[in-house]
Amino acid sequence: MRALFSLVGLLVVVAIVAMIAKKQVQAVAPAIVPPAPATADAPTVQEQSRAAQQKVLQDVNHALEQGAARTSDSQP
């Protein structure tokens, strides 16, 4: 009888842990967003890549110019 209660108690605990784990996984899982319909004026992957590369290039050049200005300002 004692073994039966232990087994039932163990099964109840496993069921509770499984329910909590399921809720946690559902809360963490990203929401599935349907992709936007493709339109004629939507940028292609290649255009997006080129734009990102240009942005990085501009940012690097701007940072280099700022660094050069700082070093020229700090020199007597």
C-alpha atoms as a PDB file:
ATOM      1  CA  MET A   1       0.000   0.000   0.000  1.00  0.00           C
ATOM      2  CA  ARG A   2       2.836   2.343   0.855  1.00  0.00           C
ATOM      3  CA  ALA A   3       4.518   1.635  -2.503  1.00  0.00           C
ATOM      4  CA  LEU A   4       1.264   2.423  -4.321  1.00  0.00           C
ATOM      5  CA  PHE A   5       0.971   5.823  -2.632  1.00  0.00           C
ATOM      6  CA  SER A   6       4.625   6.541  -3.405  1.00  0.00           C
ATOM      7  CA  LEU A   7       4.103   5.669  -7.049  1.00  0.00           C
ATOM      8  CA  VAL A   8       0.939   7.786  -7.309  1.00  0.00           C
ATOM      9  CA  GLY A   9       2.675  10.699  -5.590  1.00  0.00           C
ATOM     10  CA  LEU A  10       5.626  10.411  -7.958  1.00  0.00           C
ATOM     11  CA  LEU A  11       3.312  10.404 -10.985  1.00  0.00           C
ATOM     12  CA  VAL A  12       1.491  13.495  -9.689  1.00  0.00           C
ATOM     13  CA  VAL A  13       4.779  15.333  -9.191  1.00  0.00           C
ATOM     14  CA  VAL A  14       5.971  14.363 -12.700  1.00  0.00           C
ATOM     15  CA  ALA A  15       2.677  15.575 -14.193  1.00  0.00           C
ATOM     16  CA  ILE A  16       2.952  18.921 -12.384  1.00  0.00           C
ATOM     17  CA  VAL A  17       6.556  19.408 -13.482  1.00  0.00           C
ATOM     18  CA  ALA A  18       5.602  18.531 -17.078  1.00  0.00           C
ATOM     19  CA  MET A  19       2.777  21.105 -17.063  1.00  0.00           C
ATOM     20  CA  ILE A  20       5.071  23.811 -15.685  1.00  0.00           C
ATOM     21  CA  ALA A  21       7.763  22.973 -18.238  1.00  0.00           C
ATOM     22  CA  LYS A  22       5.221  23.137 -21.066  1.00  0.00           C
ATOM     23  CA  LYS A  23       4.061  26.587 -19.951  1.00  0.00           C
ATOM     24  CA  GLN A  24       7.644  27.822 -19.730  1.00  0.00           C
ATOM     25  CA  VAL A  25       8.493  26.564 -23.212  1.00  0.00           C
ATOM     26  CA  GLN A  26       5.386  28.205 -24.647  1.00  0.00           C
ATOM     27  CA  ALA A  27       6.232  31.496 -22.933  1.00  0.00           C
ATOM     28  CA  VAL A  28       9.809  31.507 -24.251  1.00  0.00           C
ATOM     29  CA  ALA A  29       9.053  30.283 -27.773  1.00  0.00           C
ATOM     30  CA  PRO A  30       9.044  33.125 -30.308  1.00  0.00           C
ATOM     31  CA  ALA A  31       5.732  34.042 -31.831  1.00  0.00           C
ATOM     32  CA  ILE A  32       5.400  32.903 -35.423  1.00  0.00           C
ATOM     33  CA  VAL A  33       4.861  35.951 -37.609  1.00  0.00           C
ATOM     34  CA  PRO A  34       3.650  35.336 -41.136  1.00  0.00           C
ATOM     35  CA  PRO A  35       5.973  36.824 -43.748  1.00  0.00           C
ATOM     36  CA  ALA A  36       4.865  40.044 -45.347  1.00  0.00           C
ATOM     37  CA  PRO A  37       3.552  39.701 -48.869  1.00  0.00           C
ATOM     38  CA  ALA A  38       6.149  40.485 -51.494  1.00  0.00           C
ATOM     39  CA  THR A  39       5.502  43.753 -53.270  1.00  0.00           C
ATOM     40  CA  ALA A  40       7.151  45.304 -56.269  1.00  0.00           C
ATOM     41  CA  ASP A  41       8.898  48.016 -54.216  1.00  0.00           C
ATOM     42  CA  ALA A  42      10.188  45.695 -51.472  1.00  0.00           C
ATOM     43  CA  PRO A  43      14.008  45.560 -51.432  1.00  0.00           C
ATOM     44  CA  THR A  44      15.626  42.309 -52.412  1.00  0.00           C
ATOM     45  CA  VAL A  45      18.103  40.502 -50.198  1.00  0.00           C
ATOM     46  CA  GLN A  46      20.950  41.720 -52.370  1.00  0.00           C
ATOM     47  CA  GLU A  47      19.788  45.340 -52.052  1.00  0.00           C
ATOM     48  CA  GLN A  48      19.410  44.966 -48.283  1.00  0.00           C
ATOM     49  CA  SER A  49      22.910  43.509 -48.064  1.00  0.00           C
ATOM     50  CA  ARG A  50      24.387  46.309 -50.135  1.00  0.00           C
ATOM     51  CA  ALA A  51      22.609  48.921 -47.997  1.00  0.00           C
ATOM     52  CA  ALA A  52      23.927  47.311 -44.806  1.00  0.00           C
ATOM     53  CA  GLN A  53      27.458  47.268 -46.214  1.00  0.00           C
ATOM     54  CA  GLN A  54      27.211  50.952 -47.152  1.00  0.00           C
ATOM     55  CA  LYS A  55      25.928  51.810 -43.670  1.00  0.00           C
ATOM     56  CA  VAL A  56      28.840  49.982 -42.013  1.00  0.00           C
ATOM     57  CA  LEU A  57      31.308  51.670 -44.370  1.00  0.00           C
ATOM     58  CA  GLN A  58      29.888  55.111 -43.557  1.00  0.00           C
ATOM     59  CA  ASP A  59      29.966  54.386 -39.821  1.00  0.00           C
ATOM     60  CA  VAL A  60      33.591  53.224 -39.962  1.00  0.00           C
ATOM     61  CA  ASN A  61      34.638  56.280 -41.979  1.00  0.00           C
ATOM     62  CA  HIS A  62      32.811  58.552 -39.551  1.00  0.00           C
ATOM     63  CA  ALA A  63      34.508  56.882 -36.568  1.00  0.00           C
ATOM     64  CA  LEU A  64      37.923  57.219 -38.232  1.00  0.00           C
ATOM     65  CA  GLU A  65      37.303  60.905 -38.909  1.00  0.00           C
ATOM     66  CA  GLN A  66      36.284  61.440 -35.290  1.00  0.00           C
ATOM     67  CA  GLY A  67      39.430  59.663 -34.093  1.00  0.00           C
ATOM     68  CA  ALA A  68      41.632  61.737 -36.367  1.00  0.00           C
ATOM     69  CA  ALA A  69      39.961  64.927 -35.158  1.00  0.00           C
ATOM     70  CA  ARG A  70      40.519  63.924 -31.527  1.00  0.00           C
ATOM     71  CA  THR A  71      44.197  63.177 -32.051  1.00  0.00           C
ATOM     72  CA  SER A  72      44.767  66.445 -33.944  1.00  0.00           C
ATOM     73  CA  ASP A  73      42.945  68.381 -31.192  1.00  0.00           C
ATOM     74  CA  SER A  74      44.956  66.773 -28.390  1.00  0.00           C
ATOM     75  CA  GLN A  75      48.366  67.466 -29.980  1.00  0.00           C
ATOM     76  CA  PRO A  76      49.972  70.804 -28.963  1.00  0.00           C
END
